[in-house]
Amino acid sequence: MTREEDNWGGIVFYCKDCEKIVQADRAFGKKYVYKCRICKTKNVAFGTEKSIATYFHIEEEAPKVEVAKDSKPVPVENAAK
């Protein structure tokens, strides 16, 4: 079950200490200051998934795989290289 405040409509939170995308809580009484739920620090950036991935140079963890007609996985070449 997800909490109502977990639905941010495309906004993700990146903890600079954990160095990964995390869930965050708003710090008490402060605007635009968020606290990481994992390490409890306030060193959290927020933005769209694309902007965070671009700014912090986050790459995909696993390459995308398409299934060919003969049912063997075929890795997809990354067009960004």
N, C-alpha and C. Protein backbone atom coordinates (compact mmCIF):
# COMPACT_ATOMS: atom_id res chain seq x y z
N MET A 1 0.84 -1.18 0.00
CA MET A 1 0.00 0.00 0.00
C MET A 1 0.89 1.24 0.00
N THR A 2 0.62 2.15 -0.90
CA THR A 2 1.42 3.36 -0.97
C THR A 2 0.69 4.50 -0.29
N ARG A 3 1.46 5.39 0.28
CA ARG A 3 0.86 6.55 0.91
C ARG A 3 0.50 7.58 -0.15
N GLU A 4 -0.43 8.44 0.17
CA GLU A 4 -0.89 9.44 -0.80
C GLU A 4 0.24 10.38 -1.19
N GLU A 5 1.12 10.74 -0.24
CA GLU A 5 2.19 11.67 -0.56
C GLU A 5 3.31 11.02 -1.36
N ASP A 6 3.29 9.68 -1.54
CA ASP A 6 4.28 9.00 -2.37
C ASP A 6 4.01 9.22 -3.85
N ASN A 7 2.84 9.64 -4.24
CA ASN A 7 2.49 9.87 -5.64
C ASN A 7 2.79 11.33 -5.98
N TRP A 8 3.93 11.57 -6.65
CA TRP A 8 4.36 12.93 -6.96
C TRP A 8 4.18 13.26 -8.43
N GLY A 9 3.59 12.42 -9.21
CA GLY A 9 3.31 12.72 -10.60
C GLY A 9 4.55 12.89 -11.46
N GLY A 10 5.47 11.93 -11.41
CA GLY A 10 6.65 11.96 -12.26
C GLY A 10 7.89 12.54 -11.60
N ILE A 11 7.78 13.06 -10.39
CA ILE A 11 8.93 13.61 -9.68
C ILE A 11 9.60 12.50 -8.87
N VAL A 12 10.93 12.43 -9.00
CA VAL A 12 11.70 11.45 -8.23
C VAL A 12 12.67 12.20 -7.32
N PHE A 13 13.14 11.50 -6.30
CA PHE A 13 14.06 12.07 -5.32
C PHE A 13 15.37 11.30 -5.37
N TYR A 14 16.49 12.02 -5.42
CA TYR A 14 17.82 11.42 -5.49
C TYR A 14 18.59 11.81 -4.24
N CYS A 15 18.99 10.81 -3.45
CA CYS A 15 19.78 11.06 -2.25
C CYS A 15 21.25 11.12 -2.67
N LYS A 16 21.90 12.25 -2.41
CA LYS A 16 23.29 12.43 -2.79
C LYS A 16 24.22 11.61 -1.90
N ASP A 17 23.79 11.25 -0.70
CA ASP A 17 24.60 10.43 0.19
C ASP A 17 24.48 8.95 -0.17
N CYS A 18 23.26 8.47 -0.42
CA CYS A 18 23.04 7.07 -0.82
C CYS A 18 23.43 6.84 -2.28
N GLU A 19 23.44 7.91 -3.07
CA GLU A 19 23.72 7.89 -4.50
C GLU A 19 22.76 6.99 -5.27
N LYS A 20 21.46 7.14 -4.95
CA LYS A 20 20.43 6.41 -5.69
C LYS A 20 19.10 7.12 -5.54
N ILE A 21 18.16 6.75 -6.38
CA ILE A 21 16.82 7.31 -6.32
C ILE A 21 16.09 6.64 -5.16
N VAL A 22 15.52 7.47 -4.28
CA VAL A 22 14.91 6.98 -3.05
C VAL A 22 13.54 7.62 -2.86
N GLN A 23 12.83 7.17 -1.84
CA GLN A 23 11.61 7.83 -1.42
C GLN A 23 12.00 8.83 -0.34
N ALA A 24 11.32 9.95 -0.29
CA ALA A 24 11.68 11.00 0.65
C ALA A 24 10.46 11.57 1.34
N ASP A 25 10.70 12.13 2.51
CA ASP A 25 9.67 12.82 3.28
C ASP A 25 10.03 14.29 3.34
N ARG A 26 9.02 15.13 3.40
CA ARG A 26 9.26 16.57 3.52
C ARG A 26 9.75 16.86 4.93
N ALA A 27 10.82 17.64 5.05
CA ALA A 27 11.33 18.04 6.36
C ALA A 27 10.32 18.98 6.99
N PHE A 28 10.20 18.93 8.28
CA PHE A 28 9.17 19.67 8.99
C PHE A 28 9.34 21.18 8.86
N GLY A 29 8.28 21.85 8.37
CA GLY A 29 8.21 23.29 8.33
C GLY A 29 9.07 23.97 7.28
N LYS A 30 9.72 23.24 6.42
CA LYS A 30 10.59 23.86 5.43
C LYS A 30 10.08 23.53 4.05
N LYS A 31 10.11 24.52 3.16
CA LYS A 31 9.70 24.27 1.79
C LYS A 31 10.86 23.69 1.00
N TYR A 32 10.58 22.76 0.15
CA TYR A 32 11.53 22.18 -0.79
C TYR A 32 12.75 21.56 -0.12
N VAL A 33 12.62 21.12 1.12
CA VAL A 33 13.68 20.38 1.80
C VAL A 33 13.10 19.01 2.12
N TYR A 34 13.76 17.97 1.63
CA TYR A 34 13.27 16.62 1.78
C TYR A 34 14.30 15.77 2.51
N LYS A 35 13.82 14.75 3.24
CA LYS A 35 14.68 13.87 4.01
C LYS A 35 14.60 12.46 3.45
N CYS A 36 15.75 11.84 3.22
CA CYS A 36 15.82 10.47 2.71
C CYS A 36 15.27 9.51 3.75
N ARG A 37 14.44 8.57 3.31
CA ARG A 37 13.88 7.58 4.24
C ARG A 37 14.89 6.51 4.63
N ILE A 38 15.97 6.37 3.86
CA ILE A 38 16.97 5.33 4.15
C ILE A 38 18.01 5.83 5.15
N CYS A 39 18.70 6.94 4.80
CA CYS A 39 19.80 7.40 5.64
C CYS A 39 19.41 8.59 6.53
N LYS A 40 18.21 9.11 6.37
CA LYS A 40 17.65 10.19 7.19
C LYS A 40 18.39 11.52 7.06
N THR A 41 19.16 11.74 5.99
CA THR A 41 19.80 13.03 5.79
C THR A 41 18.93 13.91 4.90
N LYS A 42 19.23 15.20 4.89
CA LYS A 42 18.46 16.16 4.10
C LYS A 42 19.16 16.50 2.79
N ASN A 43 20.09 15.70 2.36
CA ASN A 43 20.86 15.94 1.15
C ASN A 43 20.17 15.28 -0.04
N VAL A 44 18.96 15.75 -0.35
CA VAL A 44 18.11 15.12 -1.36
C VAL A 44 17.76 16.13 -2.45
N ALA A 45 17.97 15.73 -3.70
CA ALA A 45 17.57 16.54 -4.85
C ALA A 45 16.30 15.94 -5.44
N PHE A 46 15.53 16.77 -6.14
CA PHE A 46 14.31 16.25 -6.76
C PHE A 46 14.15 16.83 -8.15
N GLY A 47 13.46 16.08 -9.00
CA GLY A 47 13.20 16.50 -10.37
C GLY A 47 12.57 15.35 -11.12
N THR A 48 12.43 15.52 -12.43
CA THR A 48 11.90 14.42 -13.22
C THR A 48 12.96 13.33 -13.31
N GLU A 49 12.53 12.13 -13.63
CA GLU A 49 13.46 11.01 -13.72
C GLU A 49 14.55 11.27 -14.76
N LYS A 50 14.17 11.86 -15.88
CA LYS A 50 15.13 12.15 -16.94
C LYS A 50 16.14 13.21 -16.51
N SER A 51 15.68 14.28 -15.86
CA SER A 51 16.59 15.34 -15.45
C SER A 51 17.55 14.87 -14.36
N ILE A 52 17.08 14.08 -13.41
CA ILE A 52 17.95 13.55 -12.35
C ILE A 52 18.98 12.61 -12.95
N ALA A 53 18.56 11.73 -13.86
CA ALA A 53 19.48 10.79 -14.49
C ALA A 53 20.54 11.51 -15.31
N THR A 54 20.17 12.59 -15.98
CA THR A 54 21.11 13.35 -16.78
C THR A 54 22.09 14.12 -15.89
N TYR A 55 21.60 14.81 -14.89
CA TYR A 55 22.45 15.65 -14.04
C TYR A 55 23.43 14.84 -13.21
N PHE A 56 22.96 13.72 -12.62
CA PHE A 56 23.81 12.91 -11.75
C PHE A 56 24.46 11.74 -12.49
N HIS A 57 24.34 11.69 -13.80
CA HIS A 57 24.95 10.66 -14.64
C HIS A 57 24.59 9.25 -14.18
N ILE A 58 23.31 9.02 -14.00
CA ILE A 58 22.82 7.70 -13.61
C ILE A 58 22.55 6.92 -14.88
N GLU A 59 23.16 5.75 -14.98
CA GLU A 59 22.94 4.90 -16.15
C GLU A 59 21.96 3.80 -15.79
N GLU A 60 21.41 3.18 -16.82
CA GLU A 60 20.50 2.07 -16.59
C GLU A 60 21.28 0.92 -15.97
N GLU A 61 20.66 0.25 -15.01
CA GLU A 61 21.35 -0.84 -14.33
C GLU A 61 21.46 -2.09 -15.20
N ALA A 62 20.45 -2.37 -15.98
CA ALA A 62 20.47 -3.54 -16.86
C ALA A 62 20.07 -3.09 -18.26
N PRO A 63 20.75 -3.58 -19.29
CA PRO A 63 20.37 -3.20 -20.64
C PRO A 63 19.00 -3.75 -21.01
N LYS A 64 18.27 -3.00 -21.82
CA LYS A 64 16.96 -3.46 -22.25
C LYS A 64 17.12 -4.66 -23.17
N VAL A 65 16.21 -5.60 -23.05
CA VAL A 65 16.28 -6.82 -23.85
C VAL A 65 14.97 -6.97 -24.60
N GLU A 66 15.06 -7.18 -25.89
CA GLU A 66 13.87 -7.45 -26.69
C GLU A 66 13.82 -8.95 -26.98
N VAL A 67 12.62 -9.49 -27.06
CA VAL A 67 12.46 -10.90 -27.37
C VAL A 67 12.24 -11.04 -28.86
N ALA A 68 13.13 -11.80 -29.49
CA ALA A 68 13.02 -12.03 -30.93
C ALA A 68 11.95 -13.08 -31.19
N LYS A 69 11.66 -13.31 -32.47
CA LYS A 69 10.62 -14.27 -32.84
C LYS A 69 10.97 -15.69 -32.44
N ASP A 70 12.29 -16.00 -32.37
CA ASP A 70 12.69 -17.36 -31.99
C ASP A 70 12.86 -17.50 -30.48
N SER A 71 12.36 -16.55 -29.69
CA SER A 71 12.32 -16.56 -28.23
C SER A 71 13.67 -16.48 -27.55
N LYS A 72 14.70 -16.03 -28.22
CA LYS A 72 16.00 -15.84 -27.59
C LYS A 72 16.17 -14.36 -27.28
N PRO A 73 16.64 -14.00 -26.09
CA PRO A 73 16.81 -12.58 -25.77
C PRO A 73 17.90 -11.94 -26.61
N VAL A 74 17.62 -10.77 -27.13
CA VAL A 74 18.56 -10.05 -27.96
C VAL A 74 18.81 -8.69 -27.29
N PRO A 75 20.05 -8.39 -26.90
CA PRO A 75 20.29 -7.09 -26.27
C PRO A 75 20.13 -5.95 -27.28
N VAL A 76 19.58 -4.85 -26.81
CA VAL A 76 19.35 -3.69 -27.65
C VAL A 76 20.53 -2.77 -27.50
N GLU A 77 21.05 -2.27 -28.61
CA GLU A 77 22.17 -1.35 -28.59
C GLU A 77 21.72 -0.01 -28.02
N ASN A 78 22.54 0.59 -27.19
CA ASN A 78 22.22 1.89 -26.62
C ASN A 78 22.58 2.97 -27.63
N ALA A 79 21.60 3.76 -28.02
CA ALA A 79 21.79 4.78 -29.05
C ALA A 79 22.58 5.98 -28.51
N ALA A 80 22.73 6.09 -27.21
CA ALA A 80 23.41 7.25 -26.63
C ALA A 80 24.93 7.14 -26.68
N LYS A 81 25.48 6.00 -27.03
CA LYS A 81 26.95 5.82 -27.05
C LYS A 81 27.59 6.59 -28.14
